[in-house]
């Protein structure tokens, strides 16, 4: 959950361009909105692909479970241990 909070901050940080002017002893930070929008679009597309892959995996697993035959054999022994089918 914390990663979801950090993603926007990382996108904004990645969109910042820092230049240092040693002659004037200044540092300039510029925010490039286009870079941030492109990064956000890439993250969104990747999240959609991951979600789609997870959904496909779940559907495949559900189909395998639906197509599985389960055979259960219950042995009812007539032993005198009191553990008969009626007592279980």
PDB file of N, CA and C in Angstrom:
ATOM      1  N   UNK A   1       0.820  -1.188   0.000  1.00  0.00           N
ATOM      2  CA  UNK A   1       0.000   0.000   0.000  1.00  0.00           C
ATOM      3  C   UNK A   1       0.869   1.258   0.000  1.00  0.00           C
ATOM      4  N   UNK A   2       1.993   1.198   0.698  1.00  0.00           N
ATOM      5  CA  UNK A   2       2.883   2.353   0.754  1.00  0.00           C
ATOM      6  C   UNK A   2       3.450   2.690  -0.618  1.00  0.00           C
ATOM      7  N   UNK A   3       3.656   1.661  -1.436  1.00  0.00           N
ATOM      8  CA  UNK A   3       4.201   1.901  -2.776  1.00  0.00           C
ATOM      9  C   UNK A   3       3.240   2.738  -3.605  1.00  0.00           C
ATOM     10  N   UNK A   4       1.933   2.564  -3.394  1.00  0.00           N
ATOM     11  CA  UNK A   4       0.957   3.360  -4.135  1.00  0.00           C
ATOM     12  C   UNK A   4       1.053   4.838  -3.786  1.00  0.00           C
ATOM     13  N   UNK A   5       1.441   5.117  -2.570  1.00  0.00           N
ATOM     14  CA  UNK A   5       1.617   6.503  -2.151  1.00  0.00           C
ATOM     15  C   UNK A   5       2.913   7.067  -2.725  1.00  0.00           C
ATOM     16  N   UNK A   6       3.936   6.230  -2.839  1.00  0.00           N
ATOM     17  CA  UNK A   6       5.243   6.685  -3.297  1.00  0.00           C
ATOM     18  C   UNK A   6       5.308   6.884  -4.811  1.00  0.00           C
ATOM     19  N   UNK A   7       4.474   6.194  -5.565  1.00  0.00           N
ATOM     20  CA  UNK A   7       4.548   6.265  -7.036  1.00  0.00           C
ATOM     21  C   UNK A   7       4.371   7.691  -7.552  1.00  0.00           C
ATOM     22  N   UNK A   8       3.339   8.444  -7.137  1.00  0.00           N
ATOM     23  CA  UNK A   8       3.226   9.817  -7.653  1.00  0.00           C
ATOM     24  C   UNK A   8       4.433  10.691  -7.312  1.00  0.00           C
ATOM     25  N   UNK A   9       4.978  10.514  -6.121  1.00  0.00           N
ATOM     26  CA  UNK A   9       6.146  11.298  -5.733  1.00  0.00           C
ATOM     27  C   UNK A   9       7.345  10.955  -6.615  1.00  0.00           C
ATOM     28  N   UNK A  10       7.519   9.682  -6.916  1.00  0.00           N
ATOM     29  CA  UNK A  10       8.624   9.275  -7.796  1.00  0.00           C
ATOM     30  C   UNK A  10       8.434   9.800  -9.210  1.00  0.00           C
ATOM     31  N   UNK A  11       7.186   9.803  -9.683  1.00  0.00           N
ATOM     32  CA  UNK A  11       6.923  10.338 -11.016  1.00  0.00           C
ATOM     33  C   UNK A  11       7.259  11.826 -11.076  1.00  0.00           C
ATOM     34  N   UNK A  12       6.882  12.556 -10.050  1.00  0.00           N
ATOM     35  CA  UNK A  12       7.188  13.986 -10.028  1.00  0.00           C
ATOM     36  C   UNK A  12       8.692  14.219  -9.928  1.00  0.00           C
ATOM     37  N   UNK A  13       9.362  13.417  -9.123  1.00  0.00           N
ATOM     38  CA  UNK A  13      10.802  13.553  -8.979  1.00  0.00           C
ATOM     39  C   UNK A  13      11.503  13.243 -10.292  1.00  0.00           C
ATOM     40  N   UNK A  14      11.019  12.239 -11.004  1.00  0.00           N
ATOM     41  CA  UNK A  14      11.607  11.880 -12.291  1.00  0.00           C
ATOM     42  C   UNK A  14      11.383  12.942 -13.353  1.00  0.00           C
ATOM     43  N   UNK A  15      10.374  13.761 -13.187  1.00  0.00           N
ATOM     44  CA  UNK A  15      10.071  14.811 -14.156  1.00  0.00           C
ATOM     45  C   UNK A  15      10.837  16.098 -13.873  1.00  0.00           C
ATOM     46  N   UNK A  16      11.609  16.122 -12.796  1.00  0.00           N
ATOM     47  CA  UNK A  16      12.390  17.310 -12.462  1.00  0.00           C
ATOM     48  C   UNK A  16      13.745  17.252 -13.157  1.00  0.00           C
ATOM     49  N   UNK A  17      14.146  18.383 -13.684  1.00  0.00           N
ATOM     50  CA  UNK A  17      15.452  18.508 -14.316  1.00  0.00           C
ATOM     51  C   UNK A  17      16.258  19.514 -13.513  1.00  0.00           C
ATOM     52  N   UNK A  18      17.424  19.085 -13.078  1.00  0.00           N
ATOM     53  CA  UNK A  18      18.262  19.925 -12.233  1.00  0.00           C
ATOM     54  C   UNK A  18      19.491  20.364 -13.025  1.00  0.00           C
ATOM     55  N   UNK A  19      19.744  21.672 -13.020  1.00  0.00           N
ATOM     56  CA  UNK A  19      20.958  22.210 -13.654  1.00  0.00           C
ATOM     57  C   UNK A  19      21.701  23.051 -12.634  1.00  0.00           C
ATOM     58  N   UNK A  20      23.021  22.925 -12.671  1.00  0.00           N
ATOM     59  CA  UNK A  20      23.850  23.659 -11.719  1.00  0.00           C
ATOM     60  C   UNK A  20      24.776  24.579 -12.509  1.00  0.00           C
ATOM     61  N   UNK A  21      24.784  25.832 -12.132  1.00  0.00           N
ATOM     62  CA  UNK A  21      25.644  26.829 -12.776  1.00  0.00           C
ATOM     63  C   UNK A  21      26.738  27.196 -11.778  1.00  0.00           C
ATOM     64  N   UNK A  22      27.923  26.623 -11.981  1.00  0.00           N
ATOM     65  CA  UNK A  22      29.030  26.875 -11.057  1.00  0.00           C
ATOM     66  C   UNK A  22      29.520  28.320 -11.133  1.00  0.00           C
ATOM     67  N   UNK A  23      29.382  28.947 -12.298  1.00  0.00           N
ATOM     68  CA  UNK A  23      29.868  30.327 -12.454  1.00  0.00           C
ATOM     69  C   UNK A  23      29.090  31.283 -11.570  1.00  0.00           C
ATOM     70  N   UNK A  24      27.790  31.082 -11.480  1.00  0.00           N
ATOM     71  CA  UNK A  24      26.952  31.961 -10.659  1.00  0.00           C
ATOM     72  C   UNK A  24      26.603  31.347  -9.308  1.00  0.00           C
ATOM     73  N   UNK A  25      27.090  30.117  -9.065  1.00  0.00           N
ATOM     74  CA  UNK A  25      26.820  29.394  -7.823  1.00  0.00           C
ATOM     75  C   UNK A  25      25.308  29.260  -7.584  1.00  0.00           C
ATOM     76  N   UNK A  26      24.594  28.809  -8.654  1.00  0.00           N
ATOM     77  CA  UNK A  26      23.143  28.617  -8.556  1.00  0.00           C
ATOM     78  C   UNK A  26      22.764  27.229  -9.039  1.00  0.00           C
ATOM     79  N   UNK A  27      21.645  26.763  -8.544  1.00  0.00           N
ATOM     80  CA  UNK A  27      21.068  25.493  -8.971  1.00  0.00           C
ATOM     81  C   UNK A  27      19.626  25.755  -9.356  1.00  0.00           C
ATOM     82  N   UNK A  28      19.225  25.232 -10.526  1.00  0.00           N
ATOM     83  CA  UNK A  28      17.875  25.432 -11.020  1.00  0.00           C
ATOM     84  C   UNK A  28      17.168  24.090 -11.131  1.00  0.00           C
ATOM     85  N   UNK A  29      15.969  24.021 -10.617  1.00  0.00           N
ATOM     86  CA  UNK A  29      15.147  22.821 -10.715  1.00  0.00           C
ATOM     87  C   UNK A  29      13.933  23.165 -11.574  1.00  0.00           C
ATOM     88  N   UNK A  30      13.749  22.409 -12.648  1.00  0.00           N
ATOM     89  CA  UNK A  30      12.641  22.652 -13.565  1.00  0.00           C
ATOM     90  C   UNK A  30      11.772  21.405 -13.622  1.00  0.00           C
ATOM     91  N   UNK A  31      10.469  21.614 -13.538  1.00  0.00           N
ATOM     92  CA  UNK A  31       9.504  20.509 -13.614  1.00  0.00           C
ATOM     93  C   UNK A  31       8.997  20.410 -15.047  1.00  0.00           C
ATOM     94  N   UNK A  32       9.127  19.229 -15.647  1.00  0.00           N
ATOM     95  CA  UNK A  32       8.672  18.998 -17.019  1.00  0.00           C
ATOM     96  C   UNK A  32       7.403  18.154 -16.964  1.00  0.00           C
ATOM     97  N   UNK A  33       6.256  18.781 -17.208  1.00  0.00           N
ATOM     98  CA  UNK A  33       4.965  18.093 -17.129  1.00  0.00           C
ATOM     99  C   UNK A  33       4.801  17.006 -18.163  1.00  0.00           C
ATOM    100  N   UNK A  34       5.401  17.182 -19.348  1.00  0.00           N
ATOM    101  CA  UNK A  34       5.297  16.158 -20.393  1.00  0.00           C
ATOM    102  C   UNK A  34       5.964  14.859 -19.972  1.00  0.00           C
ATOM    103  N   UNK A  35       7.121  14.981 -19.349  1.00  0.00           N
ATOM    104  CA  UNK A  35       7.827  13.781 -18.869  1.00  0.00           C
ATOM    105  C   UNK A  35       6.985  13.078 -17.812  1.00  0.00           C
ATOM    106  N   UNK A  36       6.373  13.830 -16.917  1.00  0.00           N
ATOM    107  CA  UNK A  36       5.539  13.235 -15.867  1.00  0.00           C
ATOM    108  C   UNK A  36       4.325  12.540 -16.463  1.00  0.00           C
ATOM    109  N   UNK A  37       3.686  13.166 -17.462  1.00  0.00           N
ATOM    110  CA  UNK A  37       2.513  12.546 -18.094  1.00  0.00           C
ATOM    111  C   UNK A  37       2.890  11.257 -18.809  1.00  0.00           C
ATOM    112  N   UNK A  38       4.020  11.255 -19.506  1.00  0.00           N
ATOM    113  CA  UNK A  38       4.459  10.040 -20.208  1.00  0.00           C
ATOM    114  C   UNK A  38       4.784   8.924 -19.221  1.00  0.00           C
ATOM    115  N   UNK A  39       5.432   9.271 -18.123  1.00  0.00           N
ATOM    116  CA  UNK A  39       5.753   8.264 -17.105  1.00  0.00           C
ATOM    117  C   UNK A  39       4.483   7.717 -16.470  1.00  0.00           C
ATOM    118  N   UNK A  40       3.509   8.594 -16.203  1.00  0.00           N
ATOM    119  CA  UNK A  40       2.244   8.140 -15.618  1.00  0.00           C
ATOM    120  C   UNK A  40       1.500   7.221 -16.583  1.00  0.00           C
ATOM    121  N   UNK A  41       1.533   7.540 -17.869  1.00  0.00           N
ATOM    122  CA  UNK A  41       0.874   6.684 -18.861  1.00  0.00           C
ATOM    123  C   UNK A  41       1.553   5.318 -18.926  1.00  0.00           C
ATOM    124  N   UNK A  42       2.885   5.290 -18.839  1.00  0.00           N
ATOM    125  CA  UNK A  42       3.607   4.016 -18.851  1.00  0.00           C
ATOM    126  C   UNK A  42       3.277   3.173 -17.627  1.00  0.00           C
ATOM    127  N   UNK A  43       3.222   3.812 -16.469  1.00  0.00           N
ATOM    128  CA  UNK A  43       2.884   3.087 -15.237  1.00  0.00           C
ATOM    129  C   UNK A  43       1.467   2.544 -15.315  1.00  0.00           C
ATOM    130  N   UNK A  44       0.557   3.340 -15.831  1.00  0.00           N
ATOM    131  CA  UNK A  44      -0.836   2.909 -15.958  1.00  0.00           C
ATOM    132  C   UNK A  44      -0.963   1.719 -16.907  1.00  0.00           C
ATOM    133  N   UNK A  45      -0.273   1.783 -18.040  1.00  0.00           N
ATOM    134  CA  UNK A  45      -0.330   0.678 -19.002  1.00  0.00           C
ATOM    135  C   UNK A  45       0.253  -0.597 -18.400  1.00  0.00           C
ATOM    136  N   UNK A  46       1.338  -0.461 -17.668  1.00  0.00           N
ATOM    137  CA  UNK A  46       1.948  -1.632 -17.030  1.00  0.00           C
ATOM    138  C   UNK A  46       1.017  -2.220 -15.984  1.00  0.00           C
ATOM    139  N   UNK A  47       0.371  -1.382 -15.197  1.00  0.00           N
ATOM    140  CA  UNK A  47      -0.572  -1.868 -14.181  1.00  0.00           C
ATOM    141  C   UNK A  47      -1.743  -2.590 -14.832  1.00  0.00           C
ATOM    142  N   UNK A  48      -2.233  -2.073 -15.948  1.00  0.00           N
ATOM    143  CA  UNK A  48      -3.334  -2.736 -16.654  1.00  0.00           C
ATOM    144  C   UNK A  48      -2.896  -4.095 -17.189  1.00  0.00           C
ATOM    145  N   UNK A  49      -1.684  -4.170 -17.716  1.00  0.00           N
ATOM    146  CA  UNK A  49      -1.187  -5.449 -18.229  1.00  0.00           C
ATOM    147  C   UNK A  49      -1.021  -6.472 -17.117  1.00  0.00           C
ATOM    148  N   UNK A  50      -0.505  -6.028 -15.988  1.00  0.00           N
ATOM    149  CA  UNK A  50      -0.334  -6.933 -14.840  1.00  0.00           C
ATOM    150  C   UNK A  50      -1.694  -7.425 -14.352  1.00  0.00           C
ATOM    151  N   UNK A  51      -2.658  -6.520 -14.234  1.00  0.00           N
ATOM    152  CA  UNK A  51      -3.991  -6.908 -13.783  1.00  0.00           C
ATOM    153  C   UNK A  51      -4.637  -7.882 -14.766  1.00  0.00           C
ATOM    154  N   UNK A  52      -4.445  -7.656 -16.049  1.00  0.00           N
ATOM    155  CA  UNK A  52      -4.990  -8.557 -17.065  1.00  0.00           C
ATOM    156  C   UNK A  52      -4.361  -9.947 -16.963  1.00  0.00           C
ATOM    157  N   UNK A  53      -3.033  -9.982 -16.771  1.00  0.00           N
ATOM    158  CA  UNK A  53      -2.348 -11.270 -16.626  1.00  0.00           C
ATOM    159  C   UNK A  53      -2.830 -12.023 -15.387  1.00  0.00           C
ATOM    160  N   UNK A  54      -3.036 -11.311 -14.303  1.00  0.00           N
ATOM    161  CA  UNK A  54      -3.540 -11.951 -13.082  1.00  0.00           C
ATOM    162  C   UNK A  54      -4.949 -12.492 -13.317  1.00  0.00           C
ATOM    163  N   UNK A  55      -5.795 -11.700 -13.965  1.00  0.00           N
ATOM    164  CA  UNK A  55      -7.159 -12.152 -14.262  1.00  0.00           C
ATOM    165  C   UNK A  55      -7.167 -13.379 -15.150  1.00  0.00           C
ATOM    166  N   UNK A  56      -6.299 -13.394 -16.154  1.00  0.00           N
ATOM    167  CA  UNK A  56      -6.220 -14.558 -17.039  1.00  0.00           C
ATOM    168  C   UNK A  56      -5.755 -15.792 -16.279  1.00  0.00           C
ATOM    169  N   UNK A  57      -4.800 -15.599 -15.381  1.00  0.00           N
ATOM    170  CA  UNK A  57      -4.322 -16.725 -14.574  1.00  0.00           C
ATOM    171  C   UNK A  57      -5.404 -17.282 -13.673  1.00  0.00           C
ATOM    172  N   UNK A  58      -6.186 -16.404 -13.089  1.00  0.00           N
ATOM    173  CA  UNK A  58      -7.287 -16.850 -12.226  1.00  0.00           C
ATOM    174  C   UNK A  58      -8.327 -17.609 -13.042  1.00  0.00           C
ATOM    175  N   UNK A  59      -8.656 -17.095 -14.217  1.00  0.00           N
ATOM    176  CA  UNK A  59      -9.628 -17.788 -15.079  1.00  0.00           C
ATOM    177  C   UNK A  59      -9.114 -19.156 -15.505  1.00  0.00           C
ATOM    178  N   UNK A  60      -7.840 -19.244 -15.848  1.00  0.00           N
ATOM    179  CA  UNK A  60      -7.265 -20.535 -16.239  1.00  0.00           C
ATOM    180  C   UNK A  60      -7.314 -21.534 -15.084  1.00  0.00           C
ATOM    181  N   UNK A  61      -6.990 -21.048 -13.889  1.00  0.00           N
ATOM    182  CA  UNK A  61      -7.027 -21.933 -12.717  1.00  0.00           C
ATOM    183  C   UNK A  61      -8.456 -22.385 -12.436  1.00  0.00           C
ATOM    184  N   UNK A  62      -9.413 -21.485 -12.579  1.00  0.00           N
ATOM    185  CA  UNK A  62     -10.817 -21.846 -12.345  1.00  0.00           C
ATOM    186  C   UNK A  62     -11.283 -22.876 -13.362  1.00  0.00           C
ATOM    187  N   UNK A  63     -10.869 -22.732 -14.617  1.00  0.00           N
ATOM    188  CA  UNK A  63     -11.239 -23.707 -15.640  1.00  0.00           C
ATOM    189  C   UNK A  63     -10.651 -25.080 -15.325  1.00  0.00           C
ATOM    190  N   UNK A  64      -9.413 -25.101 -14.820  1.00  0.00           N
ATOM    191  CA  UNK A  64      -8.788 -26.381 -14.469  1.00  0.00           C
ATOM    192  C   UNK A  64      -9.528 -27.047 -13.314  1.00  0.00           C
ATOM    193  N   UNK A  65      -9.963 -26.239 -12.350  1.00  0.00           N
ATOM    194  CA  UNK A  65     -10.691 -26.798 -11.209  1.00  0.00           C
ATOM    195  C   UNK A  65     -12.040 -27.333 -11.662  1.00  0.00           C
ATOM    196  N   UNK A  66     -12.709 -26.632 -12.563  1.00  0.00           N
ATOM    197  CA  UNK A  66     -14.012 -27.083 -13.055  1.00  0.00           C
ATOM    198  C   UNK A  66     -13.896 -28.395 -13.807  1.00  0.00           C
ATOM    199  N   UNK A  67     -12.793 -28.618 -14.471  1.00  0.00           N
ATOM    200  CA  UNK A  67     -12.613 -29.814 -15.297  1.00  0.00           C
ATOM    201  C   UNK A  67     -11.932 -30.950 -14.556  1.00  0.00           C
ATOM    202  N   UNK A  68     -11.856 -30.873 -13.258  1.00  0.00           N
ATOM    203  CA  UNK A  68     -11.200 -31.907 -12.472  1.00  0.00           C
ATOM    204  C   UNK A  68     -12.245 -32.824 -11.851  1.00  0.00           C
ATOM    205  N   UNK A  69     -12.059 -34.130 -12.049  1.00  0.00           N
ATOM    206  CA  UNK A  69     -12.926 -35.114 -11.418  1.00  0.00           C
ATOM    207  C   UNK A  69     -12.303 -35.538 -10.097  1.00  0.00           C
ATOM    208  N   UNK A  70     -13.105 -35.581  -9.075  1.00  0.00           N
ATOM    209  CA  UNK A  70     -12.630 -35.992  -7.768  1.00  0.00           C
ATOM    210  C   UNK A  70     -13.375 -37.252  -7.373  1.00  0.00           C
ATOM    211  N   UNK A  71     -12.622 -38.300  -7.109  1.00  0.00           N
ATOM    212  CA  UNK A  71     -13.207 -39.562  -6.668  1.00  0.00           C
ATOM    213  C   UNK A  71     -12.896 -39.748  -5.197  1.00  0.00           C
ATOM    214  N   UNK A  72     -13.919 -39.985  -4.414  1.00  0.00           N
ATOM    215  CA  UNK A  72     -13.759 -40.185  -2.980  1.00  0.00           C
ATOM    216  C   UNK A  72     -14.263 -41.572  -2.643  1.00  0.00           C
ATOM    217  N   UNK A  73     -13.420 -42.324  -1.973  1.00  0.00           N
ATOM    218  CA  UNK A  73     -13.796 -43.667  -1.553  1.00  0.00           C
ATOM    219  C   UNK A  73     -13.846 -43.692  -0.038  1.00  0.00           C
ATOM    220  N   UNK A  74     -14.966 -44.136   0.502  1.00  0.00           N
ATOM    221  CA  UNK A  74     -15.129 -44.246   1.948  1.00  0.00           C
ATOM    222  C   UNK A  74     -15.234 -45.719   2.278  1.00  0.00           C
ATOM    223  N   UNK A  75     -14.327 -46.180   3.111  1.00  0.00           N
ATOM    224  CA  UNK A  75     -14.341 -47.580   3.533  1.00  0.00           C
ATOM    225  C   UNK A  75     -15.058 -47.673   4.869  1.00  0.00           C
ATOM    226  N   UNK A  76     -16.106 -48.488   4.902  1.00  0.00           N
ATOM    227  CA  UNK A  76     -16.860 -48.687   6.137  1.00  0.00           C
ATOM    228  C   UNK A  76     -16.543 -50.084   6.646  1.00  0.00           C
ATOM    229  N   UNK A  77     -15.634 -50.133   7.582  1.00  0.00           N
ATOM    230  CA  UNK A  77     -15.242 -51.417   8.145  1.00  0.00           C
ATOM    231  C   UNK A  77     -16.179 -51.778   9.294  1.00  0.00           C
ATOM    232  N   UNK A  78     -16.450 -53.026   9.411  1.00  0.00           N
ATOM    233  CA  UNK A  78     -17.347 -53.498  10.466  1.00  0.00           C
ATOM    234  C   UNK A  78     -16.561 -53.884  11.716  1.00  0.00           C
ATOM    235  N   UNK A  79     -15.632 -53.049  12.088  1.00  0.00           N
ATOM    236  CA  UNK A  79     -14.843 -53.339  13.284  1.00  0.00           C
ATOM    237  C   UNK A  79     -15.638 -52.949  14.529  1.00  0.00           C
ATOM    238  N   UNK A  80     -15.280 -53.533  15.647  1.00  0.00           N
ATOM    239  CA  UNK A  80     -15.973 -53.259  16.899  1.00  0.00           C
ATOM    240  C   UNK A  80     -15.336 -52.090  17.656  1.00  0.00           C
ATOM    241  N   UNK A  81     -14.769 -51.146  16.939  1.00  0.00           N
ATOM    242  CA  UNK A  81     -14.144 -50.020  17.630  1.00  0.00           C
ATOM    243  C   UNK A  81     -15.125 -48.874  17.862  1.00  0.00           C
ATOM    244  N   UNK A  82     -16.384 -49.023  17.491  1.00  0.00           N
ATOM    245  CA  UNK A  82     -17.386 -48.004  17.689  1.00  0.00           C
ATOM    246  C   UNK A  82     -17.331 -46.894  16.653  1.00  0.00           C
ATOM    247  N   UNK A  83     -16.433 -47.009  15.713  1.00  0.00           N
ATOM    248  CA  UNK A  83     -16.272 -45.978  14.681  1.00  0.00           C
ATOM    249  C   UNK A  83     -16.931 -46.444  13.395  1.00  0.00           C
ATOM    250  N   UNK A  84     -18.227 -46.547  13.417  1.00  0.00           N
ATOM    251  CA  UNK A  84     -18.956 -46.996  12.245  1.00  0.00           C
ATOM    252  C   UNK A  84     -19.489 -45.770  11.487  1.00  0.00           C
ATOM    253  N   UNK A  85     -20.028 -46.017  10.311  1.00  0.00           N
ATOM    254  CA  UNK A  85     -20.525 -44.920   9.483  1.00  0.00           C
ATOM    255  C   UNK A  85     -21.608 -44.147  10.222  1.00  0.00           C
ATOM    256  N   UNK A  86     -22.417 -44.825  11.016  1.00  0.00           N
ATOM    257  CA  UNK A  86     -23.493 -44.130  11.747  1.00  0.00           C
ATOM    258  C   UNK A  86     -22.953 -43.237  12.861  1.00  0.00           C
ATOM    259  N   UNK A  87     -21.774 -43.588  13.399  1.00  0.00           N
ATOM    260  CA  UNK A  87     -21.205 -42.836  14.514  1.00  0.00           C
ATOM    261  C   UNK A  87     -20.270 -41.718  14.078  1.00  0.00           C
ATOM    262  N   UNK A  88     -19.994 -41.595  12.796  1.00  0.00           N
ATOM    263  CA  UNK A  88     -19.028 -40.580  12.324  1.00  0.00           C
ATOM    264  C   UNK A  88     -19.687 -39.271  12.112  1.00  0.00           C
TER     265      UNK A  88
END
